[in-house]
Amino acid sequence: MWSEKSVFYQFYPLGVLGAPKVNDNVTVPRILELEKWVPHLQRLGIDAIYFSPVFESDSHGYDTRDYIKIDCRLGSNDDFSTVCRHL
């Protein structure tokens, strides 16, 4: 299985990207900043990334209120798709 041979890296995007602690319902494409990490991740030999949490929540991210929508503090679903294509 591919996952047994992969090197995983986990991002806590709300923290690493400096999102507000309380969801203010303002969409800011912070998730796009992760594209800057690509060279570093490649140097480390990372070939799988785990994002947790990323879905819409009220505060810390684990109080999910929508399992389909990316938290607006990180950007839009399209922003997240863009990042995933580049990682």
C-alpha atoms as a PDB file:
ATOM      1  CA  MET A   1       0.000   0.000   0.000  1.00  0.00           C
ATOM      2  CA  TRP A   2       1.319   3.456  -0.931  1.00  0.00           C
ATOM      3  CA  SER A   3       0.787   4.884   2.554  1.00  0.00           C
ATOM      4  CA  GLU A   4       3.131   2.370   4.155  1.00  0.00           C
ATOM      5  CA  LYS A   5       5.999   3.677   2.016  1.00  0.00           C
ATOM      6  CA  SER A   6       5.137   7.385   2.290  1.00  0.00           C
ATOM      7  CA  VAL A   7       6.662  10.063   4.466  1.00  0.00           C
ATOM      8  CA  PHE A   8       3.813  12.097   5.954  1.00  0.00           C
ATOM      9  CA  TYR A   9       3.869  15.684   7.173  1.00  0.00           C
ATOM     10  CA  GLN A  10       0.959  17.133   9.145  1.00  0.00           C
ATOM     11  CA  PHE A  11      -0.134  20.731   8.981  1.00  0.00           C
ATOM     12  CA  TYR A  12      -2.384  22.378  11.553  1.00  0.00           C
ATOM     13  CA  PRO A  13      -3.253  25.135   9.064  1.00  0.00           C
ATOM     14  CA  LEU A  14      -5.160  27.437  11.414  1.00  0.00           C
ATOM     15  CA  GLY A  15      -2.083  27.677  13.619  1.00  0.00           C
ATOM     16  CA  VAL A  16       0.756  27.671  11.111  1.00  0.00           C
ATOM     17  CA  LEU A  17      -0.992  30.291   8.974  1.00  0.00           C
ATOM     18  CA  GLY A  18      -1.887  32.614  11.856  1.00  0.00           C
ATOM     19  CA  ALA A  19      -5.665  32.448  11.491  1.00  0.00           C
ATOM     20  CA  PRO A  20      -7.782  34.235  14.118  1.00  0.00           C
ATOM     21  CA  LYS A  21      -8.687  32.014  17.082  1.00  0.00           C
ATOM     22  CA  VAL A  22     -12.385  32.761  16.624  1.00  0.00           C
ATOM     23  CA  ASN A  23     -14.021  32.491  13.212  1.00  0.00           C
ATOM     24  CA  ASP A  24     -14.971  35.997  12.121  1.00  0.00           C
ATOM     25  CA  ASN A  25     -16.615  34.697   8.894  1.00  0.00           C
ATOM     26  CA  VAL A  26     -14.168  36.699   6.761  1.00  0.00           C
ATOM     27  CA  THR A  27     -12.639  34.710   3.906  1.00  0.00           C
ATOM     28  CA  VAL A  28      -8.867  35.174   3.704  1.00  0.00           C
ATOM     29  CA  PRO A  29      -6.878  32.875   1.357  1.00  0.00           C
ATOM     30  CA  ARG A  30      -4.194  32.024   3.932  1.00  0.00           C
ATOM     31  CA  ILE A  31      -4.011  28.423   2.691  1.00  0.00           C
ATOM     32  CA  LEU A  32      -2.241  29.638  -0.462  1.00  0.00           C
ATOM     33  CA  GLU A  33       0.792  30.505   1.697  1.00  0.00           C
ATOM     34  CA  LEU A  34       1.505  26.774   2.000  1.00  0.00           C
ATOM     35  CA  GLU A  35       2.770  26.775  -1.582  1.00  0.00           C
ATOM     36  CA  LYS A  36       5.890  28.490  -0.210  1.00  0.00           C
ATOM     37  CA  TRP A  37       6.579  25.316   1.792  1.00  0.00           C
ATOM     38  CA  VAL A  38       6.924  23.081  -1.281  1.00  0.00           C
ATOM     39  CA  PRO A  39      10.744  23.365  -1.650  1.00  0.00           C
ATOM     40  CA  HIS A  40      11.232  22.651   2.065  1.00  0.00           C
ATOM     41  CA  LEU A  41       8.909  19.638   1.980  1.00  0.00           C
ATOM     42  CA  GLN A  42      10.691  18.293  -1.088  1.00  0.00           C
ATOM     43  CA  ARG A  43      14.075  18.605   0.635  1.00  0.00           C
ATOM     44  CA  LEU A  44      12.680  16.618   3.566  1.00  0.00           C
ATOM     45  CA  GLY A  45      11.443  13.872   1.239  1.00  0.00           C
ATOM     46  CA  ILE A  46       7.785  14.416   2.159  1.00  0.00           C
ATOM     47  CA  ASP A  47       5.440  12.706  -0.257  1.00  0.00           C
ATOM     48  CA  ALA A  48       2.134  12.817   1.637  1.00  0.00           C
ATOM     49  CA  ILE A  49       0.524  15.689   3.547  1.00  0.00           C
ATOM     50  CA  TYR A  50      -2.151  15.504   6.208  1.00  0.00           C
ATOM     51  CA  PHE A  51      -4.156  18.688   6.846  1.00  0.00           C
ATOM     52  CA  SER A  52      -6.053  18.765  10.104  1.00  0.00           C
ATOM     53  CA  PRO A  53      -8.405  20.446  10.715  1.00  0.00           C
ATOM     54  CA  VAL A  54      -9.485  22.374   7.629  1.00  0.00           C
ATOM     55  CA  PHE A  55     -13.289  22.417   7.668  1.00  0.00           C
ATOM     56  CA  GLU A  56     -15.491  25.334   8.734  1.00  0.00           C
ATOM     57  CA  SER A  57     -15.580  25.703  12.493  1.00  0.00           C
ATOM     58  CA  ASP A  58     -16.260  28.306  15.163  1.00  0.00           C
ATOM     59  CA  SER A  59     -12.891  28.368  16.894  1.00  0.00           C
ATOM     60  CA  HIS A  60     -10.033  25.837  17.142  1.00  0.00           C
ATOM     61  CA  GLY A  61     -11.028  23.800  14.095  1.00  0.00           C
ATOM     62  CA  TYR A  62     -12.123  20.627  15.844  1.00  0.00           C
ATOM     63  CA  ASP A  63     -15.620  22.016  16.452  1.00  0.00           C
ATOM     64  CA  THR A  64     -16.570  21.431  12.815  1.00  0.00           C
ATOM     65  CA  ARG A  65     -19.834  22.899  11.634  1.00  0.00           C
ATOM     66  CA  ASP A  66     -19.561  22.040   7.914  1.00  0.00           C
ATOM     67  CA  TYR A  67     -17.693  18.967   6.650  1.00  0.00           C
ATOM     68  CA  ILE A  68     -17.762  20.158   3.024  1.00  0.00           C
ATOM     69  CA  LYS A  69     -16.601  23.783   3.267  1.00  0.00           C
ATOM     70  CA  ILE A  70     -13.009  24.800   3.984  1.00  0.00           C
ATOM     71  CA  ASP A  71     -12.790  27.177   6.954  1.00  0.00           C
ATOM     72  CA  CYS A  72     -13.077  30.716   5.607  1.00  0.00           C
ATOM     73  CA  ARG A  73     -10.114  31.751   7.766  1.00  0.00           C
ATOM     74  CA  LEU A  74      -8.035  29.567   5.433  1.00  0.00           C
ATOM     75  CA  GLY A  75      -9.737  30.607   2.194  1.00  0.00           C
ATOM     76  CA  SER A  76     -12.181  28.949  -0.157  1.00  0.00           C
ATOM     77  CA  ASN A  77     -12.573  25.384  -1.394  1.00  0.00           C
ATOM     78  CA  ASP A  78     -11.014  26.568  -4.667  1.00  0.00           C
ATOM     79  CA  ASP A  79      -7.984  27.948  -2.774  1.00  0.00           C
ATOM     80  CA  PHE A  80      -7.524  24.589  -1.042  1.00  0.00           C
ATOM     81  CA  SER A  81      -7.815  22.751  -4.371  1.00  0.00           C
ATOM     82  CA  THR A  82      -5.143  25.031  -5.840  1.00  0.00           C
ATOM     83  CA  VAL A  83      -2.763  24.253  -2.981  1.00  0.00           C
ATOM     84  CA  CYS A  84      -3.402  20.518  -3.248  1.00  0.00           C
ATOM     85  CA  ARG A  85      -2.576  20.566  -6.964  1.00  0.00           C
ATOM     86  CA  HIS A  86       0.771  22.236  -6.269  1.00  0.00           C
ATOM     87  CA  LEU A  87       1.847  20.115  -3.315  1.00  0.00           C
END
